[in-house]
Amino acid sequence: MAISSNNPVLVPPTTRTPIPPYTPHQPASRSLLPPLGTSFLLHAGSSLAVYALGRATDRAEAKDWLWPSGMVVNAWWQAVGMRVVFDGVKLADAWDELTWREKLLLGGVTAWGSRLFYRLVSRSLARGTDDPRYDSLKSQPGFWTSALFKSYLPEALFQTLITLPFTAPFRLTPAPHALAGNPWTAWDTFSVGLWGSGMALSALADVQLLPAHTGKVQTSGVWSLVRHPTALGDALVHLSFPLLTLATPFWNTWYLLGPAAEYAYLRFWFVGGDAGEDEQVAQYAREDTRKWNDWKNWAKDVNSFWPGFNAIANKWSYIVIACGAGTVVLERAVRNWASPRLV
């Protein structure tokens, strides 16, 4: 049946930005500007609020709480929230519009952020005081005056880049013919397995730092693989996000900025990573000779971030890999049961 030119078809508005122009596996880079702008406004505004709260209470750790929670909120806002608020779509319909890969992406970010947020907040409540890692920083003259520009806003910029691979895909609309057939690939399987291994590594590292270990340097379990297993786990999780879009029309090389920014933050900026290790070791040398000697022996055999060749003979390497394989099996079972769209 022909459609009369006198009866135009009304197209509902959408917050998704059409990709101009379409190429098979690379949306135009300028299409990334709207999600980047939204992310920066959200993270910068949140950082300002948390800075004001921290300055009023003299506790800097609230910005650590914002790290995972802010990124989860950003992902949900750009994936679902904008459709509900600006397009008038019902929440359930906005969720149903998401493809299986998009739901995996959103679910993966949510699981990562929720676990990390719970760990940070529960430790803070049990401690009752600010994170000791910030004590030496706050003792410096004018800390709060300069912290906004040296710490809070720069971290908002890091978050803006890190969230790119799990916010931009929700804002892009490929050309209609791009949606024809995007089968599950080995890259998708690898991404799911990498996410599972990263989550397992971080979770095991936290569990193995139980209060019973207080008073000594933890060097067993996954801590025998690297000195910062939680950071390595987070890096693997964030690398999995852009890989999940690799076989889709939403893929963009710039998505790799996300895991690159996460890696740079963990290695060179975050006080709990390499950047803060020297201060921790200096504290051991001042206050606990036993811990200092334990750390020196540990550092001789175990790398800071990336596992060495000795990890090949370490059973914990295979336990972490097995957790990733288990995640792949679970995802496939759920996908086969649900039979969702795969784009």
C-alpha atoms as a PDB file:
ATOM      1  CA  MET A   1       0.000   0.000   0.000  1.00  0.00           C
ATOM      2  CA  ALA A   2       1.483   3.338  -1.062  1.00  0.00           C
ATOM      3  CA  ILE A   3       1.877   6.132   1.442  1.00  0.00           C
ATOM      4  CA  SER A   4       0.361   9.404   0.304  1.00  0.00           C
ATOM      5  CA  SER A   5       2.633  12.438   0.290  1.00  0.00           C
ATOM      6  CA  ASN A   6      -0.258  14.310   1.942  1.00  0.00           C
ATOM      7  CA  ASN A   7       0.049  12.113   5.031  1.00  0.00           C
ATOM      8  CA  PRO A   8       3.613  12.468   6.233  1.00  0.00           C
ATOM      9  CA  VAL A   9       4.946   9.894   8.655  1.00  0.00           C
ATOM     10  CA  LEU A  10       5.707  11.407  12.042  1.00  0.00           C
ATOM     11  CA  VAL A  11       9.064  10.350  13.479  1.00  0.00           C
ATOM     12  CA  PRO A  12       9.294  10.591  17.279  1.00  0.00           C
ATOM     13  CA  PRO A  13      12.171  12.621  18.681  1.00  0.00           C
ATOM     14  CA  THR A  14      15.167  10.827  20.098  1.00  0.00           C
ATOM     15  CA  THR A  15      18.180  11.699  22.216  1.00  0.00           C
ATOM     16  CA  ARG A  16      20.282   9.366  20.144  1.00  0.00           C
ATOM     17  CA  THR A  17      22.497  11.276  17.725  1.00  0.00           C
ATOM     18  CA  PRO A  18      22.502  10.004  14.120  1.00  0.00           C
ATOM     19  CA  ILE A  19      25.974   9.024  12.961  1.00  0.00           C
ATOM     20  CA  PRO A  20      27.146  11.381  10.174  1.00  0.00           C
ATOM     21  CA  PRO A  21      28.215   9.857   7.844  1.00  0.00           C
ATOM     22  CA  TYR A  22      27.873   6.116   8.330  1.00  0.00           C
ATOM     23  CA  THR A  23      30.836   3.835   7.673  1.00  0.00           C
ATOM     24  CA  PRO A  24      30.680   0.096   8.371  1.00  0.00           C
ATOM     25  CA  HIS A  25      32.564   0.020  11.653  1.00  0.00           C
ATOM     26  CA  GLN A  26      33.451   3.598  12.508  1.00  0.00           C
ATOM     27  CA  PRO A  27      30.859   6.269  13.423  1.00  0.00           C
ATOM     28  CA  ALA A  28      32.070   9.814  12.836  1.00  0.00           C
ATOM     29  CA  SER A  29      34.174  11.060  15.728  1.00  0.00           C
ATOM     30  CA  ARG A  30      32.192  14.292  16.016  1.00  0.00           C
ATOM     31  CA  SER A  31      29.209  12.181  17.075  1.00  0.00           C
ATOM     32  CA  LEU A  32      31.089  11.541  20.317  1.00  0.00           C
ATOM     33  CA  LEU A  33      30.936  15.196  21.363  1.00  0.00           C
ATOM     34  CA  PRO A  34      27.367  15.122  22.810  1.00  0.00           C
ATOM     35  CA  PRO A  35      28.023  12.155  25.140  1.00  0.00           C
ATOM     36  CA  LEU A  36      31.409  13.606  26.117  1.00  0.00           C
ATOM     37  CA  GLY A  37      29.806  16.948  26.930  1.00  0.00           C
ATOM     38  CA  THR A  38      27.054  15.320  28.967  1.00  0.00           C
ATOM     39  CA  SER A  39      29.617  13.264  30.871  1.00  0.00           C
ATOM     40  CA  PHE A  40      31.815  16.240  31.711  1.00  0.00           C
ATOM     41  CA  LEU A  41      28.907  18.349  32.954  1.00  0.00           C
ATOM     42  CA  LEU A  42      27.666  15.500  35.138  1.00  0.00           C
ATOM     43  CA  HIS A  43      31.059  14.595  36.589  1.00  0.00           C
ATOM     44  CA  ALA A  44      32.256  18.175  37.049  1.00  0.00           C
ATOM     45  CA  GLY A  45      29.021  19.147  38.778  1.00  0.00           C
ATOM     46  CA  SER A  46      29.197  16.111  41.057  1.00  0.00           C
ATOM     47  CA  SER A  47      32.837  16.851  41.868  1.00  0.00           C
ATOM     48  CA  LEU A  48      31.987  20.415  42.875  1.00  0.00           C
ATOM     49  CA  ALA A  49      29.266  19.155  45.218  1.00  0.00           C
ATOM     50  CA  VAL A  50      31.531  16.516  46.762  1.00  0.00           C
ATOM     51  CA  TYR A  51      34.347  19.061  47.113  1.00  0.00           C
ATOM     52  CA  ALA A  52      32.041  21.372  49.071  1.00  0.00           C
ATOM     53  CA  LEU A  53      30.974  18.460  51.280  1.00  0.00           C
ATOM     54  CA  GLY A  54      34.549  17.336  51.832  1.00  0.00           C
ATOM     55  CA  ARG A  55      35.760  20.802  52.698  1.00  0.00           C
ATOM     56  CA  ALA A  56      32.903  21.291  55.165  1.00  0.00           C
ATOM     57  CA  THR A  57      33.610  17.973  56.913  1.00  0.00           C
ATOM     58  CA  ASP A  58      37.392  17.847  56.352  1.00  0.00           C
ATOM     59  CA  ARG A  59      37.057  14.385  54.801  1.00  0.00           C
ATOM     60  CA  ALA A  60      38.446  13.840  51.317  1.00  0.00           C
ATOM     61  CA  GLU A  61      37.346  10.234  50.892  1.00  0.00           C
ATOM     62  CA  ALA A  62      33.892  11.204  49.601  1.00  0.00           C
ATOM     63  CA  LYS A  63      35.447  11.770  46.193  1.00  0.00           C
ATOM     64  CA  ASP A  64      36.454   8.105  46.197  1.00  0.00           C
ATOM     65  CA  TRP A  65      32.805   7.188  46.768  1.00  0.00           C
ATOM     66  CA  LEU A  66      31.932   9.338  43.768  1.00  0.00           C
ATOM     67  CA  TRP A  67      34.399   7.507  41.530  1.00  0.00           C
ATOM     68  CA  PRO A  68      32.297   4.361  40.932  1.00  0.00           C
ATOM     69  CA  SER A  69      28.849   5.771  41.725  1.00  0.00           C
ATOM     70  CA  GLY A  70      29.217   8.765  39.411  1.00  0.00           C
ATOM     71  CA  MET A  71      30.177   6.581  36.467  1.00  0.00           C
ATOM     72  CA  VAL A  72      27.266   4.207  37.052  1.00  0.00           C
ATOM     73  CA  VAL A  73      24.810   7.120  37.255  1.00  0.00           C
ATOM     74  CA  ASN A  74      26.284   8.578  34.054  1.00  0.00           C
ATOM     75  CA  ALA A  75      25.893   5.287  32.184  1.00  0.00           C
ATOM     76  CA  TRP A  76      22.259   4.874  33.254  1.00  0.00           C
ATOM     77  CA  TRP A  77      21.447   8.503  32.502  1.00  0.00           C
ATOM     78  CA  GLN A  78      22.735   8.332  28.931  1.00  0.00           C
ATOM     79  CA  ALA A  79      21.434   4.813  28.285  1.00  0.00           C
ATOM     80  CA  VAL A  80      17.950   5.116  29.761  1.00  0.00           C
ATOM     81  CA  GLY A  81      17.398   8.333  31.702  1.00  0.00           C
ATOM     82  CA  MET A  82      17.623  10.739  28.765  1.00  0.00           C
ATOM     83  CA  ARG A  83      15.117   8.683  26.795  1.00  0.00           C
ATOM     84  CA  VAL A  84      12.672   8.807  29.706  1.00  0.00           C
ATOM     85  CA  VAL A  85      13.111  12.496  30.586  1.00  0.00           C
ATOM     86  CA  PHE A  86      13.494  14.101  27.159  1.00  0.00           C
ATOM     87  CA  ASP A  87      11.678  11.698  24.821  1.00  0.00           C
ATOM     88  CA  GLY A  88       8.819  10.725  27.126  1.00  0.00           C
ATOM     89  CA  VAL A  89       9.578   7.019  26.794  1.00  0.00           C
ATOM     90  CA  LYS A  90       8.480   4.761  29.634  1.00  0.00           C
ATOM     91  CA  LEU A  91      11.289   3.310  31.718  1.00  0.00           C
ATOM     92  CA  ALA A  92      10.391  -0.274  30.802  1.00  0.00           C
ATOM     93  CA  ASP A  93      10.248   0.616  27.103  1.00  0.00           C
ATOM     94  CA  ALA A  94      13.604   2.405  27.258  1.00  0.00           C
ATOM     95  CA  TRP A  95      15.118  -0.726  28.779  1.00  0.00           C
ATOM     96  CA  ASP A  96      13.467  -2.997  26.198  1.00  0.00           C
ATOM     97  CA  GLU A  97      14.911  -0.861  23.390  1.00  0.00           C
ATOM     98  CA  LEU A  98      18.435  -1.806  24.442  1.00  0.00           C
ATOM     99  CA  THR A  99      20.102  -4.658  22.585  1.00  0.00           C
ATOM    100  CA  TRP A 100      21.749  -7.579  24.355  1.00  0.00           C
ATOM    101  CA  ARG A 101      25.220  -6.078  24.038  1.00  0.00           C
ATOM    102  CA  GLU A 102      23.958  -2.763  25.392  1.00  0.00           C
ATOM    103  CA  LYS A 103      22.366  -4.509  28.361  1.00  0.00           C
ATOM    104  CA  LEU A 104      25.608  -6.387  28.988  1.00  0.00           C
ATOM    105  CA  LEU A 105      27.509  -3.110  28.820  1.00  0.00           C
ATOM    106  CA  LEU A 106      25.172  -1.356  31.245  1.00  0.00           C
ATOM    107  CA  GLY A 107      24.970  -4.362  33.538  1.00  0.00           C
ATOM    108  CA  GLY A 108      28.743  -4.779  33.562  1.00  0.00           C
ATOM    109  CA  VAL A 109      29.332  -1.159  34.520  1.00  0.00           C
ATOM    110  CA  THR A 110      26.652  -1.363  37.210  1.00  0.00           C
ATOM    111  CA  ALA A 111      28.086  -4.532  38.753  1.00  0.00           C
ATOM    112  CA  TRP A 112      31.625  -3.104  38.748  1.00  0.00           C
ATOM    113  CA  GLY A 113      30.566   0.229  40.250  1.00  0.00           C
ATOM    114  CA  SER A 114      28.229  -1.271  42.846  1.00  0.00           C
ATOM    115  CA  ARG A 115      30.878  -3.669  44.153  1.00  0.00           C
ATOM    116  CA  LEU A 116      33.520  -0.951  44.388  1.00  0.00           C
ATOM    117  CA  PHE A 117      31.110   1.531  45.981  1.00  0.00           C
ATOM    118  CA  TYR A 118      30.086  -1.010  48.616  1.00  0.00           C
ATOM    119  CA  ARG A 119      33.711  -1.777  49.444  1.00  0.00           C
ATOM    120  CA  LEU A 120      34.654   1.895  49.820  1.00  0.00           C
ATOM    121  CA  VAL A 121      31.630   2.881  51.888  1.00  0.00           C
ATOM    122  CA  SER A 122      31.700  -0.171  54.164  1.00  0.00           C
ATOM    123  CA  ARG A 123      35.378   0.375  54.956  1.00  0.00           C
ATOM    124  CA  SER A 124      34.744   4.046  55.606  1.00  0.00           C
ATOM    125  CA  LEU A 125      31.868   3.369  57.985  1.00  0.00           C
ATOM    126  CA  ALA A 126      33.874   0.739  59.859  1.00  0.00           C
ATOM    127  CA  ARG A 127      36.843   3.097  60.144  1.00  0.00           C
ATOM    128  CA  GLY A 128      34.826   6.143  61.212  1.00  0.00           C
ATOM    129  CA  THR A 129      37.506   8.573  60.064  1.00  0.00           C
ATOM    130  CA  ASP A 130      38.926   9.820  56.785  1.00  0.00           C
ATOM    131  CA  ASP A 131      41.079   7.478  54.711  1.00  0.00           C
ATOM    132  CA  PRO A 132      44.590   7.579  56.249  1.00  0.00           C
ATOM    133  CA  ARG A 133      46.060   7.970  52.770  1.00  0.00           C
ATOM    134  CA  TYR A 134      44.717  11.519  52.719  1.00  0.00           C
ATOM    135  CA  ASP A 135      46.084  12.515  56.122  1.00  0.00           C
ATOM    136  CA  SER A 136      49.515  13.541  54.834  1.00  0.00           C
ATOM    137  CA  LEU A 137      47.937  15.453  51.946  1.00  0.00           C
ATOM    138  CA  LYS A 138      45.564  17.360  54.220  1.00  0.00           C
ATOM    139  CA  SER A 139      48.457  18.313  56.486  1.00  0.00           C
ATOM    140  CA  GLN A 140      49.952  20.375  53.667  1.00  0.00           C
ATOM    141  CA  PRO A 141      49.222  24.132  53.881  1.00  0.00           C
ATOM    142  CA  GLY A 142      46.306  25.213  51.692  1.00  0.00           C
ATOM    143  CA  PHE A 143      45.278  21.672  50.771  1.00  0.00           C
ATOM    144  CA  TRP A 144      41.568  22.433  50.432  1.00  0.00           C
ATOM    145  CA  THR A 145      42.229  25.653  48.545  1.00  0.00           C
ATOM    146  CA  SER A 146      44.130  23.862  45.798  1.00  0.00           C
ATOM    147  CA  ALA A 147      42.413  20.453  45.921  1.00  0.00           C
ATOM    148  CA  LEU A 148      39.554  21.511  43.654  1.00  0.00           C
ATOM    149  CA  PHE A 149      41.911  22.183  40.739  1.00  0.00           C
ATOM    150  CA  LYS A 150      44.581  19.613  41.584  1.00  0.00           C
ATOM    151  CA  SER A 151      42.352  16.673  42.415  1.00  0.00           C
ATOM    152  CA  TYR A 152      38.563  17.006  42.146  1.00  0.00           C
ATOM    153  CA  LEU A 153      38.153  18.579  38.697  1.00  0.00           C
ATOM    154  CA  PRO A 154      41.016  16.586  37.127  1.00  0.00           C
ATOM    155  CA  GLU A 155      39.320  13.414  38.334  1.00  0.00           C
ATOM    156  CA  ALA A 156      36.103  14.613  36.685  1.00  0.00           C
ATOM    157  CA  LEU A 157      38.053  14.852  33.427  1.00  0.00           C
ATOM    158  CA  PHE A 158      39.394  11.328  33.936  1.00  0.00           C
ATOM    159  CA  GLN A 159      35.837  10.087  34.519  1.00  0.00           C
ATOM    160  CA  THR A 160      34.645  11.816  31.352  1.00  0.00           C
ATOM    161  CA  LEU A 161      37.185   9.909  29.261  1.00  0.00           C
ATOM    162  CA  ILE A 162      36.804   6.613  31.131  1.00  0.00           C
ATOM    163  CA  THR A 163      33.025   6.553  30.624  1.00  0.00           C
ATOM    164  CA  LEU A 164      33.243   7.174  26.860  1.00  0.00           C
ATOM    165  CA  PRO A 165      32.990   3.492  25.797  1.00  0.00           C
ATOM    166  CA  PHE A 166      29.943   2.846  27.980  1.00  0.00           C
ATOM    167  CA  THR A 167      28.030   6.072  27.359  1.00  0.00           C
ATOM    168  CA  ALA A 168      28.584   6.976  23.692  1.00  0.00           C
ATOM    169  CA  PRO A 169      27.152   3.722  22.240  1.00  0.00           C
ATOM    170  CA  PHE A 170      23.791   4.529  23.847  1.00  0.00           C
ATOM    171  CA  ARG A 171      23.678   7.938  22.160  1.00  0.00           C
ATOM    172  CA  LEU A 172      24.497   6.832  18.610  1.00  0.00           C
ATOM    173  CA  THR A 173      22.029   5.636  15.983  1.00  0.00           C
ATOM    174  CA  PRO A 174      23.614   3.796  13.031  1.00  0.00           C
ATOM    175  CA  ALA A 175      22.215   3.848   9.516  1.00  0.00           C
ATOM    176  CA  PRO A 176      19.300   1.376   9.118  1.00  0.00           C
ATOM    177  CA  HIS A 177      21.262  -1.104   6.985  1.00  0.00           C
ATOM    178  CA  ALA A 178      23.939  -1.285   9.690  1.00  0.00           C
ATOM    179  CA  LEU A 179      21.563  -3.211  11.928  1.00  0.00           C
ATOM    180  CA  ALA A 180      21.336  -6.149   9.555  1.00  0.00           C
ATOM    181  CA  GLY A 181      23.207  -9.001  11.193  1.00  0.00           C
ATOM    182  CA  ASN A 182      25.777  -8.509  13.909  1.00  0.00           C
ATOM    183  CA  PRO A 183      26.317 -12.061  15.150  1.00  0.00           C
ATOM    184  CA  TRP A 184      28.108 -12.914  18.373  1.00  0.00           C
ATOM    185  CA  THR A 185      31.860 -13.023  17.768  1.00  0.00           C
ATOM    186  CA  ALA A 186      35.030 -14.220  19.468  1.00  0.00           C
ATOM    187  CA  TRP A 187      35.666 -10.605  20.513  1.00  0.00           C
ATOM    188  CA  ASP A 188      32.383 -10.581  22.419  1.00  0.00           C
ATOM    189  CA  THR A 189      33.261 -13.823  24.177  1.00  0.00           C
ATOM    190  CA  PHE A 190      36.725 -12.505  25.031  1.00  0.00           C
ATOM    191  CA  SER A 191      35.197  -9.293  26.382  1.00  0.00           C
ATOM    192  CA  VAL A 192      32.816 -11.195  28.673  1.00  0.00           C
ATOM    193  CA  GLY A 193      35.636 -13.428  29.905  1.00  0.00           C
ATOM    194  CA  LEU A 194      37.930 -10.459  30.489  1.00  0.00           C
ATOM    195  CA  TRP A 195      35.224  -8.723  32.518  1.00  0.00           C
ATOM    196  CA  GLY A 196      34.658 -11.848  34.604  1.00  0.00           C
ATOM    197  CA  SER A 197      38.374 -12.300  35.290  1.00  0.00           C
ATOM    198  CA  GLY A 198      38.806  -8.654  36.221  1.00  0.00           C
ATOM    199  CA  MET A 199      35.854  -8.697  38.601  1.00  0.00           C
ATOM    200  CA  ALA A 200      37.089 -11.925  40.189  1.00  0.00           C
ATOM    201  CA  LEU A 201      40.610 -10.560  40.634  1.00  0.00           C
ATOM    202  CA  SER A 202      39.372  -7.412  42.381  1.00  0.00           C
ATOM    203  CA  ALA A 203      36.859  -9.278  44.546  1.00  0.00           C
ATOM    204  CA  LEU A 204      39.357 -11.944  45.609  1.00  0.00           C
ATOM    205  CA  ALA A 205      41.909  -9.273  46.486  1.00  0.00           C
ATOM    206  CA  ASP A 206      39.399  -7.532  48.743  1.00  0.00           C
ATOM    207  CA  VAL A 207      38.293 -10.759  50.429  1.00  0.00           C
ATOM    208  CA  GLN A 208      41.902 -11.713  51.101  1.00  0.00           C
ATOM    209  CA  LEU A 209      42.456  -8.408  52.904  1.00  0.00           C
ATOM    210  CA  LEU A 210      40.214  -9.407  55.803  1.00  0.00           C
ATOM    211  CA  PRO A 211      40.787  -7.890  59.259  1.00  0.00           C
ATOM    212  CA  ALA A 212      42.582 -11.100  60.256  1.00  0.00           C
ATOM    213  CA  HIS A 213      45.491  -9.992  58.086  1.00  0.00           C
ATOM    214  CA  THR A 214      45.908  -6.680  59.900  1.00  0.00           C
ATOM    215  CA  GLY A 215      49.447  -6.294  61.164  1.00  0.00           C
ATOM    216  CA  LYS A 216      51.245  -7.821  58.219  1.00  0.00           C
ATOM    217  CA  VAL A 217      51.721  -7.239  54.507  1.00  0.00           C
ATOM    218  CA  GLN A 218      49.371  -9.449  52.518  1.00  0.00           C
ATOM    219  CA  THR A 219      51.494 -11.400  50.035  1.00  0.00           C
ATOM    220  CA  SER A 220      49.468 -14.582  49.474  1.00  0.00           C
ATOM    221  CA  GLY A 221      46.523 -15.390  47.216  1.00  0.00           C
ATOM    222  CA  VAL A 222      46.094 -13.033  44.273  1.00  0.00           C
ATOM    223  CA  TRP A 223      48.493 -10.691  46.065  1.00  0.00           C
ATOM    224  CA  SER A 224      51.214 -13.123  44.998  1.00  0.00           C
ATOM    225  CA  LEU A 225      50.456 -12.223  41.361  1.00  0.00           C
ATOM    226  CA  VAL A 226      50.864  -8.429  41.582  1.00  0.00           C
ATOM    227  CA  ARG A 227      51.127  -5.861  44.364  1.00  0.00           C
ATOM    228  CA  HIS A 228      47.992  -4.037  43.183  1.00  0.00           C
ATOM    229  CA  PRO A 229      45.529  -6.777  42.145  1.00  0.00           C
ATOM    230  CA  THR A 230      42.443  -4.621  42.706  1.00  0.00           C
ATOM    231  CA  ALA A 231      43.818  -2.002  40.321  1.00  0.00           C
ATOM    232  CA  LEU A 232      44.706  -4.628  37.706  1.00  0.00           C
ATOM    233  CA  GLY A 233      41.226  -6.110  38.037  1.00  0.00           C
ATOM    234  CA  ASP A 234      39.639  -2.709  37.440  1.00  0.00           C
ATOM    235  CA  ALA A 235      41.859  -2.151  34.395  1.00  0.00           C
ATOM    236  CA  LEU A 236      40.776  -5.474  32.877  1.00  0.00           C
ATOM    237  CA  VAL A 237      37.116  -4.697  33.512  1.00  0.00           C
ATOM    238  CA  HIS A 238      37.380  -1.329  31.775  1.00  0.00           C
ATOM    239  CA  LEU A 239      39.249  -2.821  28.826  1.00  0.00           C
ATOM    240  CA  SER A 240      36.342  -5.221  28.319  1.00  0.00           C
ATOM    241  CA  PHE A 241      33.830  -2.416  27.722  1.00  0.00           C
ATOM    242  CA  PRO A 242      35.082  -1.074  24.355  1.00  0.00           C
ATOM    243  CA  LEU A 243      35.818  -4.622  23.161  1.00  0.00           C
ATOM    244  CA  LEU A 244      32.128  -5.467  23.581  1.00  0.00           C
ATOM    245  CA  THR A 245      31.279  -2.889  20.898  1.00  0.00           C
ATOM    246  CA  LEU A 246      34.005  -3.983  18.464  1.00  0.00           C
ATOM    247  CA  ALA A 247      31.683  -6.108  16.293  1.00  0.00           C
ATOM    248  CA  THR A 248      28.904  -3.493  16.171  1.00  0.00           C
ATOM    249  CA  PRO A 249      28.218  -0.318  14.167  1.00  0.00           C
ATOM    250  CA  PHE A 250      28.795   1.627  17.408  1.00  0.00           C
ATOM    251  CA  TRP A 251      32.517   0.837  17.577  1.00  0.00           C
ATOM    252  CA  ASN A 252      34.909   3.775  17.493  1.00  0.00           C
ATOM    253  CA  THR A 253      38.673   3.693  17.973  1.00  0.00           C
ATOM    254  CA  TRP A 254      38.358   6.611  20.394  1.00  0.00           C
ATOM    255  CA  TYR A 255      36.623   4.270  22.845  1.00  0.00           C
ATOM    256  CA  LEU A 256      40.090   2.979  23.734  1.00  0.00           C
ATOM    257  CA  LEU A 257      40.639   6.290  25.510  1.00  0.00           C
ATOM    258  CA  GLY A 258      38.436   4.860  28.264  1.00  0.00           C
ATOM    259  CA  PRO A 259      40.663   1.990  29.423  1.00  0.00           C
ATOM    260  CA  ALA A 260      43.781   4.064  28.671  1.00  0.00           C
ATOM    261  CA  ALA A 261      42.566   6.830  31.001  1.00  0.00           C
ATOM    262  CA  GLU A 262      41.624   4.263  33.661  1.00  0.00           C
ATOM    263  CA  TYR A 263      45.102   2.740  33.448  1.00  0.00           C
ATOM    264  CA  ALA A 264      46.806   6.132  33.690  1.00  0.00           C
ATOM    265  CA  TYR A 265      44.668   7.069  36.673  1.00  0.00           C
ATOM    266  CA  LEU A 266      45.347   3.832  38.541  1.00  0.00           C
ATOM    267  CA  ARG A 267      49.080   3.848  37.878  1.00  0.00           C
ATOM    268  CA  PHE A 268      50.035   7.499  38.148  1.00  0.00           C
ATOM    269  CA  TRP A 269      47.254   9.437  39.893  1.00  0.00           C
ATOM    270  CA  PHE A 270      45.250   7.366  42.374  1.00  0.00           C
ATOM    271  CA  VAL A 271      46.724   7.506  45.900  1.00  0.00           C
ATOM    272  CA  GLY A 272      46.000   3.806  46.382  1.00  0.00           C
ATOM    273  CA  GLY A 273      47.979   2.756  43.294  1.00  0.00           C
ATOM    274  CA  ASP A 274      51.601   3.174  42.285  1.00  0.00           C
ATOM    275  CA  ALA A 275      51.359   6.900  42.959  1.00  0.00           C
ATOM    276  CA  GLY A 276      50.733   6.288  46.653  1.00  0.00           C
ATOM    277  CA  GLU A 277      52.933   3.249  47.180  1.00  0.00           C
ATOM    278  CA  ASP A 278      56.054   5.255  48.052  1.00  0.00           C
ATOM    279  CA  GLU A 279      54.181   7.028  50.847  1.00  0.00           C
ATOM    280  CA  GLN A 280      52.869   3.706  52.156  1.00  0.00           C
ATOM    281  CA  VAL A 281      56.348   2.183  52.175  1.00  0.00           C
ATOM    282  CA  ALA A 282      57.770   5.249  53.907  1.00  0.00           C
ATOM    283  CA  GLN A 283      55.106   4.835  56.586  1.00  0.00           C
ATOM    284  CA  TYR A 284      56.149   1.206  57.067  1.00  0.00           C
ATOM    285  CA  ALA A 285      59.771   2.294  57.456  1.00  0.00           C
ATOM    286  CA  ARG A 286      58.799   4.844  60.118  1.00  0.00           C
ATOM    287  CA  GLU A 287      56.266   2.827  62.077  1.00  0.00           C
ATOM    288  CA  ASP A 288      56.680  -0.915  61.483  1.00  0.00           C
ATOM    289  CA  THR A 289      60.060  -2.436  60.611  1.00  0.00           C
ATOM    290  CA  ARG A 290      58.510  -5.879  60.164  1.00  0.00           C
ATOM    291  CA  LYS A 291      56.092  -4.641  57.523  1.00  0.00           C
ATOM    292  CA  TRP A 292      58.889  -2.732  55.803  1.00  0.00           C
ATOM    293  CA  ASN A 293      61.068  -5.848  55.552  1.00  0.00           C
ATOM    294  CA  ASP A 294      58.090  -7.931  54.399  1.00  0.00           C
ATOM    295  CA  TRP A 295      57.325  -5.384  51.694  1.00  0.00           C
ATOM    296  CA  LYS A 296      60.924  -5.281  50.435  1.00  0.00           C
ATOM    297  CA  ASN A 297      61.022  -9.070  50.099  1.00  0.00           C
ATOM    298  CA  TRP A 298      57.626  -9.053  48.404  1.00  0.00           C
ATOM    299  CA  ALA A 299      58.621  -6.319  45.937  1.00  0.00           C
ATOM    300  CA  LYS A 300      61.688  -8.317  44.854  1.00  0.00           C
ATOM    301  CA  ASP A 301      59.531 -11.155  43.549  1.00  0.00           C
ATOM    302  CA  VAL A 302      56.196  -9.552  42.634  1.00  0.00           C
ATOM    303  CA  ASN A 303      55.606  -6.789  40.077  1.00  0.00           C
ATOM    304  CA  SER A 304      53.542  -3.737  40.901  1.00  0.00           C
ATOM    305  CA  PHE A 305      50.816  -3.931  38.236  1.00  0.00           C
ATOM    306  CA  TRP A 306      51.441  -6.483  35.478  1.00  0.00           C
ATOM    307  CA  PRO A 307      52.173 -10.122  36.401  1.00  0.00           C
ATOM    308  CA  GLY A 308      55.673 -11.438  35.741  1.00  0.00           C
ATOM    309  CA  PHE A 309      56.630 -14.775  34.179  1.00  0.00           C
ATOM    310  CA  ASN A 310      56.425 -16.429  37.590  1.00  0.00           C
ATOM    311  CA  ALA A 311      52.640 -15.999  37.390  1.00  0.00           C
ATOM    312  CA  ILE A 312      52.577 -18.880  34.889  1.00  0.00           C
ATOM    313  CA  ALA A 313      53.300 -21.303  37.714  1.00  0.00           C
ATOM    314  CA  ASN A 314      50.946 -19.578  40.165  1.00  0.00           C
ATOM    315  CA  LYS A 315      47.640 -21.370  40.749  1.00  0.00           C
ATOM    316  CA  TRP A 316      45.856 -18.065  41.326  1.00  0.00           C
ATOM    317  CA  SER A 317      46.402 -17.114  37.687  1.00  0.00           C
ATOM    318  CA  TYR A 318      44.303 -20.099  36.643  1.00  0.00           C
ATOM    319  CA  ILE A 319      41.685 -19.492  39.301  1.00  0.00           C
ATOM    320  CA  VAL A 320      41.156 -15.973  37.936  1.00  0.00           C
ATOM    321  CA  ILE A 321      41.061 -17.270  34.350  1.00  0.00           C
ATOM    322  CA  ALA A 322      38.577 -19.973  35.377  1.00  0.00           C
ATOM    323  CA  CYS A 323      36.306 -17.285  36.834  1.00  0.00           C
ATOM    324  CA  GLY A 324      36.377 -15.534  33.468  1.00  0.00           C
ATOM    325  CA  ALA A 325      35.542 -18.782  31.673  1.00  0.00           C
ATOM    326  CA  GLY A 326      32.673 -19.372  34.076  1.00  0.00           C
ATOM    327  CA  THR A 327      31.321 -15.913  33.271  1.00  0.00           C
ATOM    328  CA  VAL A 328      31.402 -16.774  29.558  1.00  0.00           C
ATOM    329  CA  VAL A 329      29.413 -19.978  30.168  1.00  0.00           C
ATOM    330  CA  LEU A 330      26.862 -18.137  32.308  1.00  0.00           C
ATOM    331  CA  GLU A 331      26.424 -15.332  29.761  1.00  0.00           C
ATOM    332  CA  ARG A 332      25.911 -17.807  26.936  1.00  0.00           C
ATOM    333  CA  ALA A 333      23.303 -19.738  28.906  1.00  0.00           C
ATOM    334  CA  VAL A 334      21.353 -16.571  29.684  1.00  0.00           C
ATOM    335  CA  ARG A 335      21.681 -15.319  26.087  1.00  0.00           C
ATOM    336  CA  ASN A 336      20.409 -18.597  24.629  1.00  0.00           C
ATOM    337  CA  TRP A 337      17.509 -18.606  27.071  1.00  0.00           C
ATOM    338  CA  ALA A 338      16.549 -14.986  26.377  1.00  0.00           C
ATOM    339  CA  SER A 339      17.257 -15.051  22.607  1.00  0.00           C
ATOM    340  CA  PRO A 340      17.802 -11.259  22.461  1.00  0.00           C
ATOM    341  CA  ARG A 341      18.862  -9.001  19.641  1.00  0.00           C
ATOM    342  CA  LEU A 342      22.651  -8.964  19.461  1.00  0.00           C
ATOM    343  CA  VAL A 343      23.499  -5.595  17.901  1.00  0.00           C
END
